[in-house]
C-alpha atoms as a PDB file:
ATOM      1  CA  MET A   1      16.255  22.207   6.710  1.00  0.00           C
ATOM      2  CA  SER A   2      13.718  22.646   9.278  1.00  0.00           C
ATOM      3  CA  PHE A   3       9.996  22.322   9.359  1.00  0.00           C
ATOM      4  CA  ASP A   4       7.891  25.398   9.702  1.00  0.00           C
ATOM      5  CA  LEU A   5       5.603  24.876  12.757  1.00  0.00           C
ATOM      6  CA  ALA A   6       2.600  26.868  11.358  1.00  0.00           C
ATOM      7  CA  SER A   7       2.703  24.723   8.128  1.00  0.00           C
ATOM      8  CA  LEU A   8       2.820  21.559  10.067  1.00  0.00           C
ATOM      9  CA  LEU A   9       0.018  22.414  12.337  1.00  0.00           C
ATOM     10  CA  SER A  10      -2.222  23.425   9.450  1.00  0.00           C
ATOM     11  CA  LEU A  11      -1.636  19.836   8.116  1.00  0.00           C
ATOM     12  CA  ALA A  12      -2.281  18.098  11.238  1.00  0.00           C
ATOM     13  CA  ILE A  13      -6.150  17.597  10.625  1.00  0.00           C
ATOM     14  CA  PRO A  14      -5.802  16.079   7.002  1.00  0.00           C
ATOM     15  CA  ILE A  15      -2.941  13.848   8.254  1.00  0.00           C
ATOM     16  CA  LEU A  16      -4.978  12.631  11.175  1.00  0.00           C
ATOM     17  CA  ILE A  17      -8.013  11.970   8.660  1.00  0.00           C
ATOM     18  CA  ALA A  18      -5.598  10.022   6.381  1.00  0.00           C
ATOM     19  CA  ALA A  19      -4.346   8.025   9.317  1.00  0.00           C
ATOM     20  CA  VAL A  20      -7.992   7.031  10.291  1.00  0.00           C
ATOM     21  CA  ALA A  21      -8.953   6.414   6.594  1.00  0.00           C
ATOM     22  CA  GLY A  22      -5.891   4.479   5.885  1.00  0.00           C
ATOM     23  CA  GLY A  23      -6.575   2.187   8.898  1.00  0.00           C
ATOM     24  CA  PHE A  24     -10.223   1.754   7.997  1.00  0.00           C
ATOM     25  CA  LEU A  25      -9.142   0.800   4.405  1.00  0.00           C
ATOM     26  CA  ALA A  26      -6.634  -1.588   5.494  1.00  0.00           C
ATOM     27  CA  GLY A  27      -9.192  -3.567   7.300  1.00  0.00           C
ATOM     28  CA  LEU A  28     -11.968  -3.101   4.704  1.00  0.00           C
ATOM     29  CA  PHE A  29      -9.840  -3.989   1.587  1.00  0.00           C
ATOM     30  CA  GLY A  30      -6.959  -6.007   3.040  1.00  0.00           C
ATOM     31  CA  ILE A  31      -4.536  -3.213   1.897  1.00  0.00           C
ATOM     32  CA  GLY A  32      -1.917  -1.627   4.069  1.00  0.00           C
ATOM     33  CA  GLY A  33      -3.415   1.853   3.615  1.00  0.00           C
ATOM     34  CA  GLY A  34      -0.446   3.062   1.355  1.00  0.00           C
ATOM     35  CA  ALA A  35      -2.698   4.109  -1.451  1.00  0.00           C
ATOM     36  CA  ILE A  36      -4.074   6.761   0.779  1.00  0.00           C
ATOM     37  CA  TYR A  37      -0.831   7.586   2.856  1.00  0.00           C
ATOM     38  CA  VAL A  38       1.417   8.074  -0.153  1.00  0.00           C
ATOM     39  CA  PRO A  39      -0.540  11.006  -1.751  1.00  0.00           C
ATOM     40  CA  ILE A  40      -1.233  12.646   1.497  1.00  0.00           C
ATOM     41  CA  LEU A  41       2.394  12.332   2.683  1.00  0.00           C
ATOM     42  CA  TYR A  42       3.660  13.449  -0.649  1.00  0.00           C
ATOM     43  CA  GLN A  43       1.624  16.534  -0.521  1.00  0.00           C
ATOM     44  CA  THR A  44       2.586  17.180   3.104  1.00  0.00           C
ATOM     45  CA  PHE A  45       6.317  17.006   2.399  1.00  0.00           C
ATOM     46  CA  GLU A  46       5.773  19.354  -0.694  1.00  0.00           C
ATOM     47  CA  VAL A  47       4.100  21.989   1.472  1.00  0.00           C
ATOM     48  CA  LEU A  48       6.846  21.577   4.123  1.00  0.00           C
ATOM     49  CA  GLY A  49       9.357  22.353   1.550  1.00  0.00           C
ATOM     50  CA  VAL A  50      11.036  18.983   1.441  1.00  0.00           C
ATOM     51  CA  ASP A  51      13.393  18.833  -1.593  1.00  0.00           C
ATOM     52  CA  HIS A  52      11.114  17.855  -4.525  1.00  0.00           C
ATOM     53  CA  SER A  53      13.621  15.244  -5.655  1.00  0.00           C
ATOM     54  CA  VAL A  54      13.091  13.133  -2.577  1.00  0.00           C
ATOM     55  CA  THR A  55       9.439  13.874  -1.516  1.00  0.00           C
ATOM     56  CA  MET A  56       7.930  10.847  -3.414  1.00  0.00           C
ATOM     57  CA  HIS A  57      10.660   8.485  -2.212  1.00  0.00           C
ATOM     58  CA  LEU A  58      10.097   9.739   1.344  1.00  0.00           C
ATOM     59  CA  ALA A  59       6.314   9.291   0.936  1.00  0.00           C
ATOM     60  CA  ILE A  60       6.659   5.703  -0.297  1.00  0.00           C
ATOM     61  CA  GLY A  61       9.183   4.749   2.380  1.00  0.00           C
ATOM     62  CA  SER A  62       7.260   6.232   5.269  1.00  0.00           C
ATOM     63  CA  SER A  63       4.044   4.558   3.924  1.00  0.00           C
ATOM     64  CA  ILE A  64       5.769   1.166   3.834  1.00  0.00           C
ATOM     65  CA  ALA A  65       6.767   1.704   7.561  1.00  0.00           C
ATOM     66  CA  ILE A  66       3.286   2.644   8.503  1.00  0.00           C
ATOM     67  CA  ILE A  67       1.847  -0.472   6.764  1.00  0.00           C
ATOM     68  CA  VAL A  68       3.927  -2.778   9.050  1.00  0.00           C
ATOM     69  CA  PRO A  69       1.663  -2.590  12.149  1.00  0.00           C
ATOM     70  CA  THR A  70      -1.542  -1.886  10.120  1.00  0.00           C
ATOM     71  CA  SER A  71      -1.022  -4.985   7.988  1.00  0.00           C
ATOM     72  CA  VAL A  72      -0.339  -7.226  11.021  1.00  0.00           C
ATOM     73  CA  ARG A  73      -3.439  -5.832  12.748  1.00  0.00           C
ATOM     74  CA  SER A  74      -5.567  -6.344   9.726  1.00  0.00           C
ATOM     75  CA  LEU A  75      -4.214  -9.894   9.350  1.00  0.00           C
ATOM     76  CA  VAL A  76      -5.209 -10.656  12.862  1.00  0.00           C
ATOM     77  CA  ALA A  77      -8.752  -9.305  12.405  1.00  0.00           C
ATOM     78  CA  HIS A  78      -9.372 -11.477   9.349  1.00  0.00           C
ATOM     79  CA  TRP A  79      -7.626 -14.432  10.828  1.00  0.00           C
ATOM     80  CA  ARG A  80     -10.101 -14.495  13.610  1.00  0.00           C
ATOM     81  CA  LYS A  81     -12.905 -14.731  10.900  1.00  0.00           C
ATOM     82  CA  ASP A  82     -10.962 -17.725   9.369  1.00  0.00           C
ATOM     83  CA  ALA A  83     -10.778 -16.189   5.863  1.00  0.00           C
ATOM     84  CA  VAL A  84      -7.063 -16.177   5.201  1.00  0.00           C
ATOM     85  CA  ASP A  85      -5.340 -18.526   2.769  1.00  0.00           C
ATOM     86  CA  TRP A  86      -2.434 -19.594   4.886  1.00  0.00           C
ATOM     87  CA  GLN A  87      -1.063 -22.051   2.289  1.00  0.00           C
ATOM     88  CA  LEU A  88      -0.484 -19.152  -0.333  1.00  0.00           C
ATOM     89  CA  LEU A  89       1.175 -16.940   2.356  1.00  0.00           C
ATOM     90  CA  ARG A  90       3.472 -19.824   3.281  1.00  0.00           C
ATOM     91  CA  GLU A  91       4.376 -20.395  -0.448  1.00  0.00           C
ATOM     92  CA  TRP A  92       4.984 -16.562  -0.844  1.00  0.00           C
ATOM     93  CA  VAL A  93       7.394 -16.227   2.268  1.00  0.00           C
ATOM     94  CA  VAL A  94      10.371 -16.138  -0.065  1.00  0.00           C
ATOM     95  CA  ALA A  95       9.032 -14.748  -3.507  1.00  0.00           C
ATOM     96  CA  VAL A  96       7.185 -11.687  -2.062  1.00  0.00           C
ATOM     97  CA  PRO A  97      10.202 -10.280  -0.044  1.00  0.00           C
ATOM     98  CA  LEU A  98      12.544 -10.855  -2.956  1.00  0.00           C
ATOM     99  CA  GLY A  99      10.214  -8.982  -5.291  1.00  0.00           C
ATOM    100  CA  THR A 100       9.935  -6.150  -2.460  1.00  0.00           C
ATOM    101  CA  ILE A 101      13.659  -5.745  -2.370  1.00  0.00           C
ATOM    102  CA  ALA A 102      13.877  -5.514  -6.201  1.00  0.00           C
ATOM    103  CA  GLY A 103      11.102  -2.865  -6.218  1.00  0.00           C
ATOM    104  CA  VAL A 104      12.979  -0.819  -3.594  1.00  0.00           C
ATOM    105  CA  THR A 105      16.188  -1.079  -5.560  1.00  0.00           C
ATOM    106  CA  LEU A 106      14.440   0.321  -8.653  1.00  0.00           C
ATOM    107  CA  ALA A 107      12.642   3.046  -6.600  1.00  0.00           C
ATOM    108  CA  THR A 108      15.931   4.218  -5.039  1.00  0.00           C
ATOM    109  CA  TYR A 109      17.310   5.227  -8.591  1.00  0.00           C
ATOM    110  CA  ALA A 110      13.970   6.327 -10.194  1.00  0.00           C
ATOM    111  CA  SER A 111      12.923   9.941 -10.146  1.00  0.00           C
ATOM    112  CA  SER A 112      10.107  11.379  -8.297  1.00  0.00           C
ATOM    113  CA  GLU A 113       8.141  11.888 -11.592  1.00  0.00           C
ATOM    114  CA  ALA A 114       8.624   8.287 -12.633  1.00  0.00           C
ATOM    115  CA  LEU A 115       7.359   6.870  -9.395  1.00  0.00           C
ATOM    116  CA  ARG A 116       4.199   9.005  -9.409  1.00  0.00           C
ATOM    117  CA  GLY A 117       3.739   7.929 -13.024  1.00  0.00           C
ATOM    118  CA  ILE A 118       3.897   4.264 -12.118  1.00  0.00           C
ATOM    119  CA  PHE A 119       1.633   4.714  -9.155  1.00  0.00           C
ATOM    120  CA  ALA A 120      -1.030   6.369 -11.361  1.00  0.00           C
ATOM    121  CA  VAL A 121      -0.866   3.806 -14.242  1.00  0.00           C
ATOM    122  CA  LEU A 122      -1.221   0.838 -11.917  1.00  0.00           C
ATOM    123  CA  ALA A 123      -3.987   2.360  -9.821  1.00  0.00           C
ATOM    124  CA  THR A 124      -5.961   3.209 -12.890  1.00  0.00           C
ATOM    125  CA  LEU A 125      -5.777  -0.207 -14.461  1.00  0.00           C
ATOM    126  CA  LEU A 126      -6.759  -1.900 -11.232  1.00  0.00           C
ATOM    127  CA  GLY A 127      -9.486   0.627 -10.530  1.00  0.00           C
ATOM    128  CA  ILE A 128     -11.136   0.044 -13.974  1.00  0.00           C
ATOM    129  CA  LYS A 129     -10.816  -3.557 -13.515  1.00  0.00           C
ATOM    130  CA  MET A 130     -12.640  -3.478 -10.132  1.00  0.00           C
ATOM    131  CA  LEU A 131     -15.445  -1.211 -11.378  1.00  0.00           C
ATOM    132  CA  PHE A 132     -16.260  -3.493 -14.315  1.00  0.00           C
ATOM    133  CA  GLY A 133     -16.255  -6.475 -11.776  1.00  0.00           C
ATOM    134  CA  ARG A 134     -15.289  -9.903 -13.023  1.00  0.00           C
ATOM    135  CA  VAL A 135     -14.246 -10.223 -16.524  1.00  0.00           C
ATOM    136  CA  PRO A 136     -16.595 -12.621 -18.586  1.00  0.00           C
ATOM    137  CA  TYR A 137     -14.130 -15.254 -18.004  1.00  0.00           C
ATOM    138  CA  VAL A 138     -11.589 -16.451 -15.375  1.00  0.00           C
ATOM    139  CA  LEU A 139      -8.024 -17.382 -16.237  1.00  0.00           C
ATOM    140  CA  ALA A 140      -8.485 -20.647 -14.403  1.00  0.00           C
ATOM    141  CA  GLN A 141     -10.632 -22.291 -11.739  1.00  0.00           C
ATOM    142  CA  ASP A 142      -7.988 -22.069  -9.171  1.00  0.00           C
ATOM    143  CA  LEU A 143      -4.522 -20.447  -8.607  1.00  0.00           C
ATOM    144  CA  PRO A 144      -1.690 -21.672 -10.895  1.00  0.00           C
ATOM    145  CA  GLY A 145       1.038 -24.097  -9.822  1.00  0.00           C
ATOM    146  CA  LEU A 146       3.954 -23.224  -7.459  1.00  0.00           C
ATOM    147  CA  ALA A 147       6.091 -21.687 -10.113  1.00  0.00           C
ATOM    148  CA  GLY A 148       3.242 -19.342 -11.397  1.00  0.00           C
ATOM    149  CA  ARG A 149       2.393 -18.351  -7.810  1.00  0.00           C
ATOM    150  CA  SER A 150       5.958 -17.638  -7.089  1.00  0.00           C
ATOM    151  CA  ILE A 151       6.287 -15.332 -10.157  1.00  0.00           C
ATOM    152  CA  ALA A 152       2.953 -13.833  -9.278  1.00  0.00           C
ATOM    153  CA  GLY A 153       4.317 -13.087  -5.600  1.00  0.00           C
ATOM    154  CA  PHE A 154       7.488 -11.738  -6.837  1.00  0.00           C
ATOM    155  CA  CYS A 155       5.708  -9.316  -9.122  1.00  0.00           C
ATOM    156  CA  ILE A 156       3.240  -8.213  -6.518  1.00  0.00           C
ATOM    157  CA  GLY A 157       6.094  -7.504  -4.061  1.00  0.00           C
ATOM    158  CA  ALA A 158       7.970  -5.597  -6.587  1.00  0.00           C
ATOM    159  CA  PHE A 159       5.157  -3.288  -7.905  1.00  0.00           C
ATOM    160  CA  SER A 160       3.876  -2.751  -4.389  1.00  0.00           C
ATOM    161  CA  ALA A 161       7.236  -1.561  -3.195  1.00  0.00           C
ATOM    162  CA  LEU A 162       7.425   0.893  -6.119  1.00  0.00           C
ATOM    163  CA  MET A 163       3.984   2.241  -5.154  1.00  0.00           C
ATOM    164  CA  GLY A 164       4.431   2.129  -1.490  1.00  0.00           C
ATOM    165  CA  VAL A 165       1.312  -0.019  -0.960  1.00  0.00           C
ATOM    166  CA  GLY A 166       0.900  -3.189   0.919  1.00  0.00           C
ATOM    167  CA  GLY A 167       0.082  -5.420  -1.992  1.00  0.00           C
ATOM    168  CA  GLY A 168      -3.639  -5.801  -1.444  1.00  0.00           C
ATOM    169  CA  VAL A 169      -4.265  -3.755  -4.660  1.00  0.00           C
ATOM    170  CA  LEU A 170      -2.421  -6.307  -6.764  1.00  0.00           C
ATOM    171  CA  ASN A 171      -3.242  -9.514  -4.686  1.00  0.00           C
ATOM    172  CA  ASN A 172      -7.004  -8.933  -4.690  1.00  0.00           C
ATOM    173  CA  THR A 173      -6.837  -8.771  -8.447  1.00  0.00           C
ATOM    174  CA  PHE A 174      -4.541 -11.806  -8.941  1.00  0.00           C
ATOM    175  CA  MET A 175      -6.757 -14.070  -6.663  1.00  0.00           C
ATOM    176  CA  THR A 176     -10.050 -12.982  -8.031  1.00  0.00           C
ATOM    177  CA  LEU A 177      -8.800 -13.646 -11.632  1.00  0.00           C
ATOM    178  CA  PHE A 178      -8.190 -17.166 -10.474  1.00  0.00           C
ATOM    179  CA  ASN A 179     -11.666 -17.461  -9.114  1.00  0.00           C
ATOM    180  CA  ARG A 180     -11.076 -17.038  -5.408  1.00  0.00           C
ATOM    181  CA  PRO A 181     -13.673 -15.247  -3.318  1.00  0.00           C
ATOM    182  CA  MET A 182     -13.080 -11.601  -2.951  1.00  0.00           C
ATOM    183  CA  ILE A 183     -13.337 -11.894   0.953  1.00  0.00           C
ATOM    184  CA  GLN A 184     -10.554 -14.537   0.891  1.00  0.00           C
ATOM    185  CA  ALA A 185      -8.483 -12.262  -1.359  1.00  0.00           C
ATOM    186  CA  VAL A 186      -8.985  -9.264   1.102  1.00  0.00           C
ATOM    187  CA  ALA A 187      -8.223 -11.305   4.094  1.00  0.00           C
ATOM    188  CA  THR A 188      -5.126 -12.846   2.514  1.00  0.00           C
ATOM    189  CA  SER A 189      -3.889  -9.519   1.185  1.00  0.00           C
ATOM    190  CA  ALA A 190      -3.433  -8.565   4.863  1.00  0.00           C
ATOM    191  CA  GLY A 191      -0.737 -11.077   5.156  1.00  0.00           C
ATOM    192  CA  VAL A 192       0.877 -10.108   1.772  1.00  0.00           C
ATOM    193  CA  GLY A 193       1.195  -6.668   3.369  1.00  0.00           C
ATOM    194  CA  ALA A 194       3.335  -7.995   6.143  1.00  0.00           C
ATOM    195  CA  LEU A 195       5.536  -9.837   3.742  1.00  0.00           C
ATOM    196  CA  ILE A 196       6.128  -6.725   1.747  1.00  0.00           C
ATOM    197  CA  SER A 197       6.291  -3.968   4.572  1.00  0.00           C
ATOM    198  CA  VAL A 198       8.955  -5.653   6.775  1.00  0.00           C
ATOM    199  CA  PRO A 199      11.653  -6.082   4.169  1.00  0.00           C
ATOM    200  CA  GLY A 200      10.473  -2.963   2.405  1.00  0.00           C
ATOM    201  CA  LEU A 201      11.025  -0.884   5.510  1.00  0.00           C
ATOM    202  CA  VAL A 202      14.549  -2.096   5.841  1.00  0.00           C
ATOM    203  CA  ALA A 203      15.360  -1.615   2.167  1.00  0.00           C
ATOM    204  CA  TYR A 204      14.025   1.934   2.106  1.00  0.00           C
ATOM    205  CA  ILE A 205      16.074   2.893   5.198  1.00  0.00           C
ATOM    206  CA  ILE A 206      19.159   1.668   3.558  1.00  0.00           C
ATOM    207  CA  GLY A 207      18.274   3.117   0.205  1.00  0.00           C
ATOM    208  CA  GLY A 208      18.052   6.597   1.500  1.00  0.00           C
ATOM    209  CA  TRP A 209      20.684   6.447   4.311  1.00  0.00           C
ATOM    210  CA  GLY A 210      22.776   9.502   4.482  1.00  0.00           C
ATOM    211  CA  ASP A 211      20.908  11.416   1.843  1.00  0.00           C
ATOM    212  CA  PRO A 212      21.578  15.233   2.717  1.00  0.00           C
ATOM    213  CA  LEU A 213      18.277  16.275   1.041  1.00  0.00           C
ATOM    214  CA  LEU A 214      16.160  14.469   3.599  1.00  0.00           C
ATOM    215  CA  PRO A 215      14.378  16.473   6.346  1.00  0.00           C
ATOM    216  CA  PRO A 216      14.868  16.129  10.032  1.00  0.00           C
ATOM    217  CA  TYR A 217      13.771  13.105  11.830  1.00  0.00           C
ATOM    218  CA  SER A 218      14.307  10.797   8.929  1.00  0.00           C
ATOM    219  CA  VAL A 219      15.969   7.536   8.800  1.00  0.00           C
ATOM    220  CA  GLY A 220      16.723   6.808   5.211  1.00  0.00           C
ATOM    221  CA  PHE A 221      13.686   7.284   3.085  1.00  0.00           C
ATOM    222  CA  VAL A 222      11.342   6.968   6.312  1.00  0.00           C
ATOM    223  CA  SER A 223      10.112   9.998   8.139  1.00  0.00           C
ATOM    224  CA  LEU A 224       9.858   9.098  11.843  1.00  0.00           C
ATOM    225  CA  ALA A 225       7.675  11.983  12.476  1.00  0.00           C
ATOM    226  CA  ALA A 226       5.071  10.965   9.955  1.00  0.00           C
ATOM    227  CA  VAL A 227       4.945   7.290  11.185  1.00  0.00           C
ATOM    228  CA  ALA A 228       4.650   8.497  14.644  1.00  0.00           C
ATOM    229  CA  VAL A 229       1.560  10.761  13.894  1.00  0.00           C
ATOM    230  CA  ILE A 230      -0.252   8.383  11.491  1.00  0.00           C
ATOM    231  CA  THR A 231       0.304   4.909  12.985  1.00  0.00           C
ATOM    232  CA  PRO A 232      -1.841   5.175  16.112  1.00  0.00           C
ATOM    233  CA  GLY A 233      -4.941   6.452  14.275  1.00  0.00           C
ATOM    234  CA  SER A 234      -4.539   3.796  11.758  1.00  0.00           C
ATOM    235  CA  LEU A 235      -4.378   0.890  14.233  1.00  0.00           C
ATOM    236  CA  LEU A 236      -7.435   2.087  15.907  1.00  0.00           C
ATOM    237  CA  ALA A 237      -9.585   2.186  12.827  1.00  0.00           C
ATOM    238  CA  VAL A 238      -8.432  -1.173  11.276  1.00  0.00           C
ATOM    239  CA  PRO A 239     -11.173  -3.400  13.255  1.00  0.00           C
ATOM    240  CA  ALA A 240     -13.943  -1.263  11.989  1.00  0.00           C
ATOM    241  CA  GLY A 241     -12.811  -1.724   8.369  1.00  0.00           C
ATOM    242  CA  ALA A 242     -12.451  -5.571   8.648  1.00  0.00           C
ATOM    243  CA  ALA A 243     -15.889  -5.826  10.480  1.00  0.00           C
ATOM    244  CA  LEU A 244     -17.655  -3.951   7.552  1.00  0.00           C
ATOM    245  CA  ALA A 245     -15.773  -6.125   4.923  1.00  0.00           C
ATOM    246  CA  HIS A 246     -17.339  -9.306   6.182  1.00  0.00           C
ATOM    247  CA  ARG A 247     -21.042  -7.584   5.976  1.00  0.00           C
ATOM    248  CA  LEU A 248     -20.652  -6.282   2.386  1.00  0.00           C
ATOM    249  CA  SER A 249     -21.253  -8.185  -0.809  1.00  0.00           C
ATOM    250  CA  ARG A 250     -18.440  -8.993  -3.238  1.00  0.00           C
ATOM    251  CA  ARG A 251     -19.807  -6.526  -5.728  1.00  0.00           C
ATOM    252  CA  GLN A 252     -20.017  -3.734  -3.235  1.00  0.00           C
ATOM    253  CA  LEU A 253     -16.375  -4.306  -2.233  1.00  0.00           C
ATOM    254  CA  GLU A 254     -15.280  -4.263  -5.907  1.00  0.00           C
ATOM    255  CA  ILE A 255     -17.069  -1.087  -6.640  1.00  0.00           C
ATOM    256  CA  GLY A 256     -15.931   0.753  -3.519  1.00  0.00           C
ATOM    257  CA  PHE A 257     -12.289  -0.330  -4.179  1.00  0.00           C
ATOM    258  CA  GLY A 258     -12.361   0.663  -7.878  1.00  0.00           C
ATOM    259  CA  CYS A 259     -13.680   4.192  -7.041  1.00  0.00           C
ATOM    260  CA  PHE A 260     -11.028   4.561  -4.409  1.00  0.00           C
ATOM    261  CA  LEU A 261      -8.160   3.496  -6.871  1.00  0.00           C
ATOM    262  CA  LEU A 262      -9.334   5.863  -9.488  1.00  0.00           C
ATOM    263  CA  LEU A 263      -9.469   8.852  -7.178  1.00  0.00           C
ATOM    264  CA  VAL A 264      -5.833   8.195  -6.127  1.00  0.00           C
ATOM    265  CA  ALA A 265      -4.717   7.773  -9.704  1.00  0.00           C
ATOM    266  CA  ALA A 266      -6.260  11.082 -10.626  1.00  0.00           C
ATOM    267  CA  ARG A 267      -4.415  12.813  -7.783  1.00  0.00           C
ATOM    268  CA  PHE A 268      -1.090  11.796  -9.088  1.00  0.00           C
ATOM    269  CA  VAL A 269      -1.975  12.478 -12.789  1.00  0.00           C
ATOM    270  CA  TYR A 270      -2.768  16.010 -11.624  1.00  0.00           C
ATOM    271  CA  SER A 271       0.618  16.374  -9.759  1.00  0.00           C
ATOM    272  CA  LEU A 272       2.394  15.288 -13.080  1.00  0.00           C
ATOM    273  CA  LEU A 273       0.662  18.115 -15.125  1.00  0.00           C
END
């Protein structure tokens, strides 16, 4: 298939807006920006006439590729503010990538509708949790032992790979449920994004390798054209988001994050109707 140039140009502005917004959110919430890239890319590929059976896979794989540089830049920005839990990241250096590979394997064989449904359900649950703030209790005063943290890391990697996100959505919730400060969760999530996106990128390339339904300039389930357009704008916006995160209160971060997740979930529910 070939891209229609007029259609591509008409989508240039929303794609560039998504790039800047995704980078800003990466810095603000410690996410890789995938929660905004995935719906925008999905809609873009649909409009361009990419085969419906691979549009969601291509959107997720391309999102994971974009998350690689944005997560690294977000991590550096928060590292300079000394807010990252490096011990947790070191303990997750195996568990998170293994979960990511498991998630990509499932995504490769799942339908587009199933992937959209998973995205919407997880985003809704997490968005509601953030809007209500802290539950009246915490699961514990600190993170669980090594076994518990490893299981959590594996699950975060797996679900994030299925959603095409950098893990910040899930890690922020995990850490705050165990009484960690929101700003530390946000900063550490940037590192989680790096642990997810690098193996996730390789796995999505392998998973879609040689698929005849993919559009031009695709390497497996990764659109090089989308990555080339979105990545520069994302990288430029990351520092601004990180700076704002360190000026807002915990509650302001939670409310903003919750509203954002619910908007994304609503978009995917609509696509399934």
